[in-house]
């Protein structure tokens, strides 16, 4: 798969720049319409030692996104955390 070759090719430069690629926390997801996503056959990718499979939703820079670029998961998590803190501080 082209994505796996890209990861393998860029890994040395990432490590050379003293950046860390955390294999255990790596996720990937495809974003698109239902029609476009149905045409994609995505299998697991080897990122370092672990094999990763496409996620239904992923966190990037503190924001949760899903396959259709909606932020429902993010909003639900914010509401849940807000409710929790309101209940504990009230």
C-alpha atoms as a PDB file:
ATOM      1  CA  UNK A   1       0.000   0.000   0.000  1.00  0.00           C
ATOM      2  CA  UNK A   2       1.307   3.448  -0.926  1.00  0.00           C
ATOM      3  CA  UNK A   3       0.594   4.907   2.515  1.00  0.00           C
ATOM      4  CA  UNK A   4       2.703   2.239   4.205  1.00  0.00           C
ATOM      5  CA  UNK A   5       5.624   2.947   1.853  1.00  0.00           C
ATOM      6  CA  UNK A   6       5.323   6.662   2.602  1.00  0.00           C
ATOM      7  CA  UNK A   7       5.448   5.987   6.356  1.00  0.00           C
ATOM      8  CA  UNK A   8       8.494   3.754   5.929  1.00  0.00           C
ATOM      9  CA  UNK A   9      10.228   6.389   3.798  1.00  0.00           C
ATOM     10  CA  UNK A  10       9.532   9.291   6.165  1.00  0.00           C
ATOM     11  CA  UNK A  11      10.263   7.449   9.428  1.00  0.00           C
ATOM     12  CA  UNK A  12      14.080   7.987   9.277  1.00  0.00           C
ATOM     13  CA  UNK A  13      13.747  11.737   8.691  1.00  0.00           C
ATOM     14  CA  UNK A  14      11.226  12.025  11.541  1.00  0.00           C
ATOM     15  CA  UNK A  15      13.622  10.255  13.896  1.00  0.00           C
ATOM     16  CA  UNK A  16      16.572  12.263  12.533  1.00  0.00           C
ATOM     17  CA  UNK A  17      14.742  15.500  13.428  1.00  0.00           C
ATOM     18  CA  UNK A  18      14.371  14.140  16.981  1.00  0.00           C
ATOM     19  CA  UNK A  19      10.628  13.827  16.675  1.00  0.00           C
ATOM     20  CA  UNK A  20       8.815  10.852  18.107  1.00  0.00           C
ATOM     21  CA  UNK A  21       6.465   8.674  16.116  1.00  0.00           C
ATOM     22  CA  UNK A  22       4.503   6.800  18.770  1.00  0.00           C
ATOM     23  CA  UNK A  23       3.595   3.552  17.002  1.00  0.00           C
ATOM     24  CA  UNK A  24       1.153   2.436  19.703  1.00  0.00           C
ATOM     25  CA  UNK A  25      -0.911   5.634  19.441  1.00  0.00           C
ATOM     26  CA  UNK A  26      -0.902   5.968  15.663  1.00  0.00           C
ATOM     27  CA  UNK A  27      -4.317   5.980  14.001  1.00  0.00           C
ATOM     28  CA  UNK A  28      -5.580   6.713  10.538  1.00  0.00           C
ATOM     29  CA  UNK A  29      -8.954   7.316   9.037  1.00  0.00           C
ATOM     30  CA  UNK A  30     -10.325   8.078   5.614  1.00  0.00           C
ATOM     31  CA  UNK A  31     -12.625  11.077   5.360  1.00  0.00           C
ATOM     32  CA  UNK A  32     -15.271  11.302   2.666  1.00  0.00           C
ATOM     33  CA  UNK A  33     -18.882  10.747   1.710  1.00  0.00           C
ATOM     34  CA  UNK A  34     -20.543   7.379   2.275  1.00  0.00           C
ATOM     35  CA  UNK A  35     -20.394   6.706  -1.461  1.00  0.00           C
ATOM     36  CA  UNK A  36     -16.658   7.432  -1.687  1.00  0.00           C
ATOM     37  CA  UNK A  37     -15.823   5.507   1.486  1.00  0.00           C
ATOM     38  CA  UNK A  38     -17.679   2.441   0.183  1.00  0.00           C
ATOM     39  CA  UNK A  39     -15.227   2.312  -2.755  1.00  0.00           C
ATOM     40  CA  UNK A  40     -12.163   2.148  -0.499  1.00  0.00           C
ATOM     41  CA  UNK A  41     -10.808  -1.163   0.718  1.00  0.00           C
ATOM     42  CA  UNK A  42      -8.502  -0.284   3.583  1.00  0.00           C
ATOM     43  CA  UNK A  43      -6.546  -2.947   5.350  1.00  0.00           C
ATOM     44  CA  UNK A  44      -4.111  -2.794   8.224  1.00  0.00           C
ATOM     45  CA  UNK A  45      -0.880  -0.830   7.902  1.00  0.00           C
ATOM     46  CA  UNK A  46       2.420  -1.708   9.528  1.00  0.00           C
ATOM     47  CA  UNK A  47       3.670   1.303  11.469  1.00  0.00           C
ATOM     48  CA  UNK A  48       6.822   0.165  13.174  1.00  0.00           C
ATOM     49  CA  UNK A  49       5.956  -3.021  15.019  1.00  0.00           C
ATOM     50  CA  UNK A  50       2.166  -2.806  15.423  1.00  0.00           C
ATOM     51  CA  UNK A  51      -0.431  -3.230  12.709  1.00  0.00           C
ATOM     52  CA  UNK A  52      -3.051  -0.489  12.669  1.00  0.00           C
ATOM     53  CA  UNK A  53      -6.474  -0.610  11.073  1.00  0.00           C
ATOM     54  CA  UNK A  54      -8.551   2.366   9.951  1.00  0.00           C
ATOM     55  CA  UNK A  55     -10.471   4.022  12.758  1.00  0.00           C
ATOM     56  CA  UNK A  56     -14.084   5.209  12.658  1.00  0.00           C
ATOM     57  CA  UNK A  57     -12.987   8.370  14.473  1.00  0.00           C
ATOM     58  CA  UNK A  58      -9.647   9.812  15.469  1.00  0.00           C
ATOM     59  CA  UNK A  59      -8.265  12.578  17.657  1.00  0.00           C
ATOM     60  CA  UNK A  60      -6.006  15.155  16.055  1.00  0.00           C
ATOM     61  CA  UNK A  61      -4.688  18.207  17.897  1.00  0.00           C
ATOM     62  CA  UNK A  62      -7.305  17.732  20.613  1.00  0.00           C
ATOM     63  CA  UNK A  63     -10.268  17.543  18.255  1.00  0.00           C
ATOM     64  CA  UNK A  64     -12.209  14.347  17.487  1.00  0.00           C
ATOM     65  CA  UNK A  65     -13.260  13.809  13.866  1.00  0.00           C
ATOM     66  CA  UNK A  66     -15.162  11.000  12.201  1.00  0.00           C
ATOM     67  CA  UNK A  67     -15.112   9.574   8.668  1.00  0.00           C
ATOM     68  CA  UNK A  68     -17.618  12.132   7.387  1.00  0.00           C
ATOM     69  CA  UNK A  69     -15.747  15.115   8.901  1.00  0.00           C
ATOM     70  CA  UNK A  70     -18.443  15.707  11.493  1.00  0.00           C
ATOM     71  CA  UNK A  71     -17.572  16.735  14.992  1.00  0.00           C
ATOM     72  CA  UNK A  72     -20.360  14.848  16.785  1.00  0.00           C
ATOM     73  CA  UNK A  73     -17.920  12.772  18.856  1.00  0.00           C
ATOM     74  CA  UNK A  74     -16.005  15.899  19.877  1.00  0.00           C
ATOM     75  CA  UNK A  75     -19.178  17.742  20.873  1.00  0.00           C
ATOM     76  CA  UNK A  76     -20.459  14.726  22.829  1.00  0.00           C
ATOM     77  CA  UNK A  77     -17.169  14.421  24.726  1.00  0.00           C
ATOM     78  CA  UNK A  78     -17.141  18.147  25.540  1.00  0.00           C
ATOM     79  CA  UNK A  79     -20.758  18.011  26.762  1.00  0.00           C
ATOM     80  CA  UNK A  80     -20.060  14.898  28.838  1.00  0.00           C
ATOM     81  CA  UNK A  81     -16.975  16.447  30.465  1.00  0.00           C
ATOM     82  CA  UNK A  82     -18.834  19.714  31.097  1.00  0.00           C
ATOM     83  CA  UNK A  83     -21.750  17.904  32.720  1.00  0.00           C
ATOM     84  CA  UNK A  84     -19.359  15.882  34.875  1.00  0.00           C
ATOM     85  CA  UNK A  85     -17.594  19.015  36.139  1.00  0.00           C
ATOM     86  CA  UNK A  86     -20.862  20.847  36.744  1.00  0.00           C
ATOM     87  CA  UNK A  87     -22.163  17.943  38.824  1.00  0.00           C
ATOM     88  CA  UNK A  88     -18.982  17.673  40.890  1.00  0.00           C
ATOM     89  CA  UNK A  89     -18.635  21.401  41.559  1.00  0.00           C
ATOM     90  CA  UNK A  90     -22.293  22.174  42.162  1.00  0.00           C
END
